[in-house]
Protein backbone atom coordinates (compact mmCIF):
# COMPACT_ATOMS: atom_id res chain seq x y z
CA UNK A 1 0.00 0.00 0.00
CA UNK A 2 1.46 3.35 -1.03
CA UNK A 3 1.87 6.29 1.28
CA UNK A 4 3.15 9.80 0.83
CA UNK A 5 6.59 10.00 2.44
CA UNK A 6 7.53 13.32 4.03
CA UNK A 7 11.24 13.55 4.85
CA UNK A 8 12.67 16.09 7.28
CA UNK A 9 15.71 18.03 6.08
CA UNK A 10 16.82 20.77 8.47
CA UNK A 11 14.07 23.36 8.76
CA UNK A 12 12.24 21.95 5.75
CA UNK A 13 10.42 18.83 4.71
CA UNK A 14 10.72 17.28 1.26
CA UNK A 15 8.66 14.88 -0.80
CA UNK A 16 9.89 13.16 -3.94
CA UNK A 17 8.72 11.53 -7.15
CA UNK A 18 4.97 10.77 -7.35
CA UNK A 19 4.38 12.27 -3.90
CA UNK A 20 5.15 15.68 -5.42
CA UNK A 21 2.04 15.55 -7.57
CA UNK A 22 -0.22 15.17 -4.56
CA UNK A 23 1.19 18.31 -2.94
CA UNK A 24 1.01 20.08 -6.29
CA UNK A 25 -2.65 19.09 -6.62
CA UNK A 26 -3.63 20.46 -3.22
CA UNK A 27 -1.18 23.34 -2.69
CA UNK A 28 0.35 24.22 -6.09
CA UNK A 29 3.85 23.74 -4.68
CA UNK A 30 6.57 24.02 -7.30
CA UNK A 31 8.06 20.75 -8.47
CA UNK A 32 11.79 20.88 -9.22
CA UNK A 33 13.71 17.77 -10.18
CA UNK A 34 10.92 15.54 -8.89
CA UNK A 35 11.10 17.22 -5.45
CA UNK A 36 8.84 19.53 -3.45
CA UNK A 37 10.04 21.27 -0.32
CA UNK A 38 8.08 23.14 2.32
CA UNK A 39 8.88 24.75 5.70
CA UNK A 40 8.33 23.01 9.03
CA UNK A 41 5.49 25.44 9.75
CA UNK A 42 3.41 23.94 6.90
CA UNK A 43 3.57 20.33 8.13
CA UNK A 44 0.32 20.38 10.12
CA UNK A 45 -1.58 21.99 7.23
CA UNK A 46 -0.33 19.26 4.90
CA UNK A 47 -1.08 16.42 7.30
CA UNK A 48 -4.59 17.76 7.90
CA UNK A 49 -5.25 17.82 4.14
CA UNK A 50 -3.87 14.30 3.67
CA UNK A 51 -6.08 12.98 6.45
CA UNK A 52 -9.10 14.88 5.13
CA UNK A 53 -8.71 13.22 1.73
CA UNK A 54 -7.76 9.82 3.16
CA UNK A 55 -4.21 9.68 1.85
CA UNK A 56 -1.78 7.54 3.85
CA UNK A 57 1.44 9.27 4.85
CA UNK A 58 4.67 8.82 6.77
CA UNK A 59 6.79 11.57 8.33
CA UNK A 60 10.41 10.43 8.39
CA UNK A 61 12.95 12.22 10.59
CA UNK A 62 12.11 14.53 13.44
CA UNK A 63 8.66 13.76 14.81
CA UNK A 64 7.93 10.34 13.33
CA UNK A 65 4.27 10.12 12.37
CA UNK A 66 2.17 7.98 10.12
CA UNK A 67 -1.41 7.40 9.23
CA UNK A 68 -2.36 4.09 7.70
CA UNK A 69 -5.86 3.76 9.15
CA UNK A 70 -7.75 5.48 6.32
CA UNK A 71 -8.94 3.99 3.09
CA UNK A 72 -5.96 4.88 0.97
CA UNK A 73 -6.66 7.22 -1.93
CA UNK A 74 -2.98 7.84 -2.68
CA UNK A 75 -3.08 6.58 -6.29
CA UNK A 76 -6.20 8.61 -7.10
CA UNK A 77 -4.54 11.87 -6.03
CA UNK A 78 -1.24 11.05 -7.74
CA UNK A 79 -3.17 10.73 -11.02
CA UNK A 80 -5.19 13.90 -10.39
CA UNK A 81 -2.00 15.76 -9.49
CA UNK A 82 -0.21 14.58 -12.65
CA UNK A 83 -3.15 15.62 -14.81
CA UNK A 84 -3.28 19.06 -13.20
CA UNK A 85 0.50 19.48 -13.51
CA UNK A 86 0.50 18.51 -17.20
CA UNK A 87 -2.37 20.91 -17.98
CA UNK A 88 -0.65 23.73 -16.10
CA UNK A 89 2.61 23.11 -18.00
CA UNK A 90 0.71 23.20 -21.32
CA UNK A 91 -1.09 26.37 -20.28
CA UNK A 92 2.19 28.08 -19.31
CA UNK A 93 3.72 27.01 -22.64
CA UNK A 94 0.76 28.42 -24.58
CA UNK A 95 0.90 31.71 -22.66
CA UNK A 96 4.61 31.97 -23.40
CA UNK A 97 4.00 31.37 -27.11
CA UNK A 98 1.20 33.97 -27.12
CA UNK A 99 3.54 36.56 -25.65
CA UNK A 100 6.01 35.84 -28.44
CA UNK A 101 3.45 35.84 -31.28
CA UNK A 102 3.17 38.64 -33.78
CA UNK A 103 0.12 40.91 -33.63
CA UNK A 104 -1.26 39.36 -36.82
CA UNK A 105 -0.87 35.82 -35.54
CA UNK A 106 -2.30 36.77 -32.15
CA UNK A 107 -5.41 38.24 -33.81
CA UNK A 108 -5.97 34.97 -35.72
CA UNK A 109 -5.47 32.90 -32.57
CA UNK A 110 -7.95 35.01 -30.61
CA UNK A 111 -10.52 34.77 -33.41
CA UNK A 112 -10.20 30.96 -33.38
CA UNK A 113 -10.46 30.79 -29.61
CA UNK A 114 -13.61 32.93 -29.62
CA UNK A 115 -15.13 30.82 -32.38
CA UNK A 116 -14.45 27.59 -30.49
CA UNK A 117 -15.81 28.98 -27.22
CA UNK A 118 -18.96 30.24 -28.94
CA UNK A 119 -19.77 26.81 -30.48
């Protein structure tokens, strides 16, 4: 059974790999090199959210904690987090391209967007 692993590192906590997508889904934390970091002061907020949504977790280092009593919805929120992350990356890429587009091209793009939205 999977659980989100929260690792203490000095005055911060880190999560890695798929666990990052869960924190991205709920808190929009930046993912860098498959890692999300957050300050000690945010730990209770994160744990409360994980418990609210029935996601098993382990806190490793410092105050050891775990919660394995809930029905585990870890996989569900990893998938939702990945979907949200991928959409946000696409959106940011499109916005970047729009900023770089010529006025003529931008006018055509906006016309097409309006047409699609009005369908």
